[in-house]
Amino acid sequence: MTVPNEVLSSFTTALQQLQRVFDTMTREMTAFTTSLNNTSEDVASFRNEISEMKSQLKELDFCKSEVKNLRTEVVELRQEIEYKEQRHLLKDVEILGLTEHNSENLQQVIHTMCAKLGVELDPRDVDDVRRVGLRGGGVGSVERPRPVVLTLTRRAPRDQILRAARVRRGLTTDMLEVPGSSRRVYINEHLTKANRVLFSKARAAGAQLNFKFTWTSNGTIYMRRSEISSIVRISSEAVLEKLYKGPASNSQHAPFQGLPN
């Protein structure tokens, strides 16, 4: 049987159109495969970058941890140094308010002071007595006399002087036969510079927060809201910050170790 030319021509045309469609699909499939391959490479690259970032974050966390540990060690070392420095001052008494003169005899002033306090001080117990620090207002100034530090050979007479000073308050320069206008004399423990600063801040905090007592005992600072309340040991400014933020019950407590100055 012979196929008519018209049918054959239509069939050929249909095959050609189908071939073109197939070719287009092939090109699109090839392009999609290429795009998919590129996407896979991008995903792999992205995964590698994520992996590197995670590794860097781990290193950063490690560094942060090391820095935190180092800071803790530095704080502990500073506290240890401060403790040792304060221990070296446990035989000292600091006297504030003594008017300064060129011809002053500090040994005699100490002798008179102890007599007024009712303390019998053996001259052999005195290791040294001296002015410390820079002059504040010149020789003879009544505005900023330098502190006097009495260093004893034993802690027993030092403690005796401090106890007597707590009982017999109100000592003045005229009572000690120091020339010049009468002024109040204060007898305290000799603190390191850091502890003096902390003690000053503790007293300011005590005034603001209605603490009745703020004192030192053997170089340690304490605060107490009343005679029957718990004693708070002030070991750092962080303890004072806690006092400002909340009740004293959130702070460090310590057994009673001395009377307020």
Protein backbone atom coordinates (compact mmCIF):
# COMPACT_ATOMS: atom_id res chain seq x y z
CA MET A 1 0.00 0.00 0.00
CA THR A 2 1.35 3.39 -0.94
CA VAL A 3 1.35 6.18 1.73
CA PRO A 4 0.08 9.40 0.31
CA ASN A 5 2.66 12.18 0.02
CA GLU A 6 0.54 14.51 2.12
CA VAL A 7 0.50 12.07 5.02
CA LEU A 8 4.21 11.38 4.68
CA SER A 9 4.98 15.10 4.63
CA SER A 10 2.85 15.74 7.72
CA PHE A 11 4.49 12.86 9.56
CA THR A 12 7.97 14.14 8.64
CA THR A 13 7.07 17.62 9.84
CA ALA A 14 5.76 16.21 13.11
CA LEU A 15 8.97 14.24 13.62
CA GLN A 16 11.07 17.34 13.00
CA GLN A 17 9.03 19.32 15.53
CA LEU A 18 9.38 16.49 18.05
CA GLN A 19 13.13 16.45 17.47
CA ARG A 20 13.33 20.19 18.11
CA VAL A 21 11.36 19.79 21.31
CA PHE A 22 13.64 16.94 22.36
CA ASP A 23 16.75 19.00 21.57
CA THR A 24 15.38 21.91 23.62
CA MET A 25 14.66 19.59 26.53
CA THR A 26 18.14 18.14 26.24
CA ARG A 27 19.73 21.61 26.35
CA GLU A 28 17.57 22.59 29.32
CA MET A 29 18.45 19.37 31.11
CA THR A 30 22.13 19.97 30.44
CA ALA A 31 21.84 23.54 31.75
CA PHE A 32 19.95 22.32 34.83
CA THR A 33 22.58 19.65 35.50
CA THR A 34 25.34 22.24 35.17
CA SER A 35 23.46 24.60 37.48
CA LEU A 36 22.89 21.78 39.95
CA ASN A 37 26.56 20.90 39.89
CA ASN A 38 27.45 24.55 40.53
CA THR A 39 24.93 24.68 43.36
CA SER A 40 26.44 21.56 44.89
CA GLU A 41 29.87 23.17 44.72
CA ASP A 42 28.47 26.32 46.35
CA VAL A 43 26.84 24.24 49.07
CA ALA A 44 30.09 22.37 49.66
CA SER A 45 31.98 25.67 49.78
CA PHE A 46 29.40 27.10 52.17
CA ARG A 47 29.70 24.04 54.37
CA ASN A 48 33.47 24.45 54.44
CA GLU A 49 33.10 28.08 55.43
CA ILE A 50 30.65 27.15 58.18
CA SER A 51 33.08 24.51 59.42
CA GLU A 52 35.92 27.06 59.48
CA MET A 53 33.73 29.55 61.32
CA LYS A 54 32.84 26.92 63.92
CA SER A 55 36.51 26.15 64.38
CA GLN A 56 37.28 29.86 64.80
CA LEU A 57 34.43 30.23 67.28
CA LYS A 58 35.84 27.35 69.32
CA GLU A 59 39.24 29.04 69.33
CA LEU A 60 37.58 32.32 70.33
CA ASP A 61 35.71 30.61 73.17
CA PHE A 62 38.97 29.05 74.31
CA CYS A 63 40.69 32.45 74.24
CA LYS A 64 37.82 34.01 76.19
CA SER A 65 38.08 31.25 78.76
CA GLU A 66 41.84 31.76 79.01
CA VAL A 67 41.40 35.52 79.43
CA LYS A 68 38.81 34.94 82.16
CA ASN A 69 41.14 32.51 83.94
CA LEU A 70 44.04 34.94 83.64
CA ARG A 71 41.93 37.76 85.06
CA THR A 72 40.94 35.54 87.96
CA GLU A 73 44.59 34.68 88.57
CA VAL A 74 45.56 38.35 88.45
CA VAL A 75 42.87 39.22 91.00
CA GLU A 76 43.99 36.37 93.25
CA LEU A 77 47.64 37.42 92.96
CA ARG A 78 46.76 41.02 93.77
CA GLN A 79 44.78 39.89 96.79
CA GLU A 80 47.67 37.70 97.91
CA ILE A 81 50.16 40.57 97.53
CA GLU A 82 47.77 42.92 99.34
CA TYR A 83 47.37 40.40 102.14
CA LYS A 84 51.15 40.05 102.54
CA GLU A 85 51.63 43.82 102.47
CA GLN A 86 48.98 44.26 105.14
CA ARG A 87 50.58 41.54 107.26
CA HIS A 88 53.79 43.58 107.30
CA LEU A 89 51.85 46.44 108.91
CA LEU A 90 50.31 44.46 111.77
CA LYS A 91 52.75 45.96 114.28
CA ASP A 92 52.00 49.53 113.17
CA VAL A 93 49.72 52.21 114.56
CA GLU A 94 48.73 55.18 112.38
CA ILE A 95 48.11 58.52 114.12
CA LEU A 96 46.24 61.23 112.23
CA GLY A 97 45.83 64.91 113.05
CA LEU A 98 49.13 65.65 114.78
CA THR A 99 50.15 69.16 113.81
CA GLU A 100 53.54 69.10 112.10
CA HIS A 101 56.51 71.17 113.32
CA ASN A 102 60.20 71.32 112.45
CA SER A 103 61.27 70.84 116.05
CA GLU A 104 58.74 68.18 116.93
CA ASN A 105 59.76 65.25 119.11
CA LEU A 106 57.59 62.37 117.98
CA GLN A 107 59.03 60.02 120.59
CA GLN A 108 57.86 62.38 123.33
CA VAL A 109 54.46 62.80 121.67
CA ILE A 110 54.03 59.01 121.63
CA HIS A 111 55.05 58.80 125.28
CA THR A 112 52.46 61.46 126.21
CA MET A 113 49.80 59.82 124.05
CA CYS A 114 50.25 56.44 125.72
CA ALA A 115 50.10 58.09 129.14
CA LYS A 116 46.79 59.75 128.22
CA LEU A 117 45.48 56.41 126.97
CA GLY A 118 46.54 54.64 130.15
CA VAL A 119 49.01 52.41 128.34
CA GLU A 120 52.44 51.65 129.81
CA LEU A 121 54.66 51.44 126.74
CA ASP A 122 58.14 50.04 127.22
CA PRO A 123 60.62 52.11 125.14
CA ARG A 124 62.10 48.82 123.97
CA ASP A 125 58.79 48.04 122.26
CA VAL A 126 59.16 51.06 119.96
CA ASP A 127 60.93 50.16 116.74
CA ASP A 128 60.33 53.42 114.86
CA VAL A 129 58.11 56.49 114.77
CA ARG A 130 57.99 58.68 111.67
CA ARG A 131 55.97 60.93 109.41
CA VAL A 132 54.87 59.32 106.15
CA GLY A 133 53.67 60.71 102.83
CA LEU A 134 54.08 64.09 101.16
CA ARG A 135 53.66 67.37 102.94
CA GLY A 136 50.17 68.71 102.35
CA GLY A 137 50.39 72.32 103.42
CA GLY A 138 53.96 73.00 104.42
CA VAL A 139 55.78 72.83 107.75
CA GLY A 140 53.57 73.80 110.66
CA SER A 141 50.41 73.59 108.57
CA VAL A 142 47.29 72.72 110.56
CA GLU A 143 45.39 71.82 107.40
CA ARG A 144 47.08 68.68 106.17
CA PRO A 145 49.61 67.28 108.63
CA ARG A 146 51.19 64.07 107.47
CA PRO A 147 50.24 60.88 109.30
CA VAL A 148 52.56 59.54 111.97
CA VAL A 149 53.29 55.81 111.93
CA LEU A 150 54.39 54.10 115.11
CA THR A 151 56.06 50.74 114.45
CA LEU A 152 56.35 48.43 117.43
CA THR A 153 58.48 45.35 117.91
CA ARG A 154 55.51 43.26 119.06
CA ARG A 155 51.83 43.09 118.25
CA ALA A 156 50.75 42.99 121.90
CA PRO A 157 51.50 46.68 122.70
CA ARG A 158 50.07 47.70 119.34
CA ASP A 159 46.79 45.94 120.15
CA GLN A 160 46.80 47.48 123.62
CA ILE A 161 47.13 50.99 122.18
CA LEU A 162 44.30 50.41 119.69
CA ARG A 163 42.00 49.01 122.38
CA ALA A 164 42.70 51.96 124.65
CA ALA A 165 42.12 54.41 121.79
CA ARG A 166 38.67 52.91 121.19
CA VAL A 167 37.74 53.39 124.83
CA ARG A 168 39.28 56.83 125.33
CA ARG A 169 37.99 58.76 122.37
CA GLY A 170 38.29 62.51 122.03
CA LEU A 171 42.09 62.79 122.16
CA THR A 172 43.31 66.23 120.97
CA THR A 173 46.67 67.80 120.15
CA ASP A 174 46.60 70.12 123.17
CA MET A 175 46.16 67.06 125.39
CA LEU A 176 49.36 65.73 123.83
CA GLU A 177 51.15 69.07 124.34
CA VAL A 178 51.52 69.60 120.60
CA PRO A 179 51.89 73.34 119.75
CA GLY A 180 49.25 75.02 117.62
CA SER A 181 45.49 75.12 117.52
CA SER A 182 43.74 72.20 119.15
CA ARG A 183 42.60 69.50 116.77
CA ARG A 184 41.25 65.97 117.04
CA VAL A 185 43.74 63.10 116.97
CA TYR A 186 42.76 59.72 115.52
CA ILE A 187 44.54 56.45 116.27
CA ASN A 188 43.96 53.60 113.82
CA GLU A 189 45.47 50.53 112.29
CA HIS A 190 48.03 51.21 109.59
CA LEU A 191 46.42 50.12 106.31
CA THR A 192 47.91 49.65 102.87
CA LYS A 193 46.99 52.20 100.23
CA ALA A 194 44.45 49.86 98.62
CA ASN A 195 42.83 49.08 101.96
CA ARG A 196 42.71 52.77 102.89
CA VAL A 197 40.81 53.47 99.68
CA LEU A 198 38.48 50.53 100.28
CA PHE A 199 37.95 51.57 103.91
CA SER A 200 37.06 55.10 102.81
CA LYS A 201 34.50 53.73 100.33
CA ALA A 202 33.13 51.38 102.98
CA ARG A 203 32.58 54.27 105.39
CA ALA A 204 30.84 56.25 102.64
CA ALA A 205 28.64 53.24 101.86
CA GLY A 206 27.92 52.74 105.54
CA ALA A 207 26.75 56.34 105.87
CA GLN A 208 24.46 56.02 102.85
CA LEU A 209 23.07 52.60 103.77
CA ASN A 210 22.61 53.33 107.50
CA PHE A 211 25.27 50.98 108.82
CA LYS A 212 26.06 51.87 112.41
CA PHE A 213 29.58 50.44 112.46
CA THR A 214 32.43 50.39 109.94
CA TRP A 215 35.82 49.36 111.28
CA THR A 216 39.02 47.42 110.70
CA SER A 217 40.50 44.52 112.59
CA ASN A 218 43.98 43.21 111.76
CA GLY A 219 43.83 44.91 108.37
CA THR A 220 40.39 43.52 107.47
CA ILE A 221 37.40 45.81 106.94
CA TYR A 222 34.03 45.06 108.51
CA MET A 223 30.59 46.66 108.54
CA ARG A 224 27.60 46.10 110.80
CA ARG A 225 24.15 47.62 110.54
CA SER A 226 23.43 47.36 114.28
CA GLU A 227 24.67 45.68 117.46
CA ILE A 228 22.58 42.57 116.79
CA SER A 229 22.89 42.28 113.00
CA SER A 230 25.32 40.10 111.07
CA ILE A 231 28.83 41.35 110.40
CA VAL A 232 29.76 41.94 106.78
CA ARG A 233 33.39 41.43 105.73
CA ILE A 234 34.39 43.95 103.05
CA SER A 235 37.02 42.16 100.99
CA SER A 236 36.54 44.14 97.77
CA GLU A 237 34.47 46.82 96.08
CA ALA A 238 32.29 44.03 94.68
CA VAL A 239 30.98 43.40 98.21
CA LEU A 240 30.07 47.08 98.53
CA GLU A 241 28.27 46.92 95.19
CA LYS A 242 26.20 44.02 96.49
CA LEU A 243 25.30 46.06 99.56
CA TYR A 244 24.07 48.89 97.33
CA LYS A 245 21.99 46.47 95.24
CA GLY A 246 20.40 44.37 97.95
CA PRO A 247 20.10 43.48 101.62
CA ALA A 248 23.12 42.67 103.71
CA SER A 249 22.02 39.04 103.80
CA ASN A 250 23.29 38.69 100.20
CA SER A 251 26.80 39.72 101.23
CA GLN A 252 29.71 37.91 102.81
CA HIS A 253 29.42 37.38 106.54
CA ALA A 254 32.23 36.66 108.95
CA PRO A 255 32.56 35.88 112.67
CA PHE A 256 33.03 38.84 114.96
CA GLN A 257 36.75 39.62 115.16
CA GLY A 258 37.00 42.98 116.86
CA LEU A 259 35.18 46.02 118.12
CA PRO A 260 34.45 49.01 115.88
CA ASN A 261 37.11 51.73 115.91
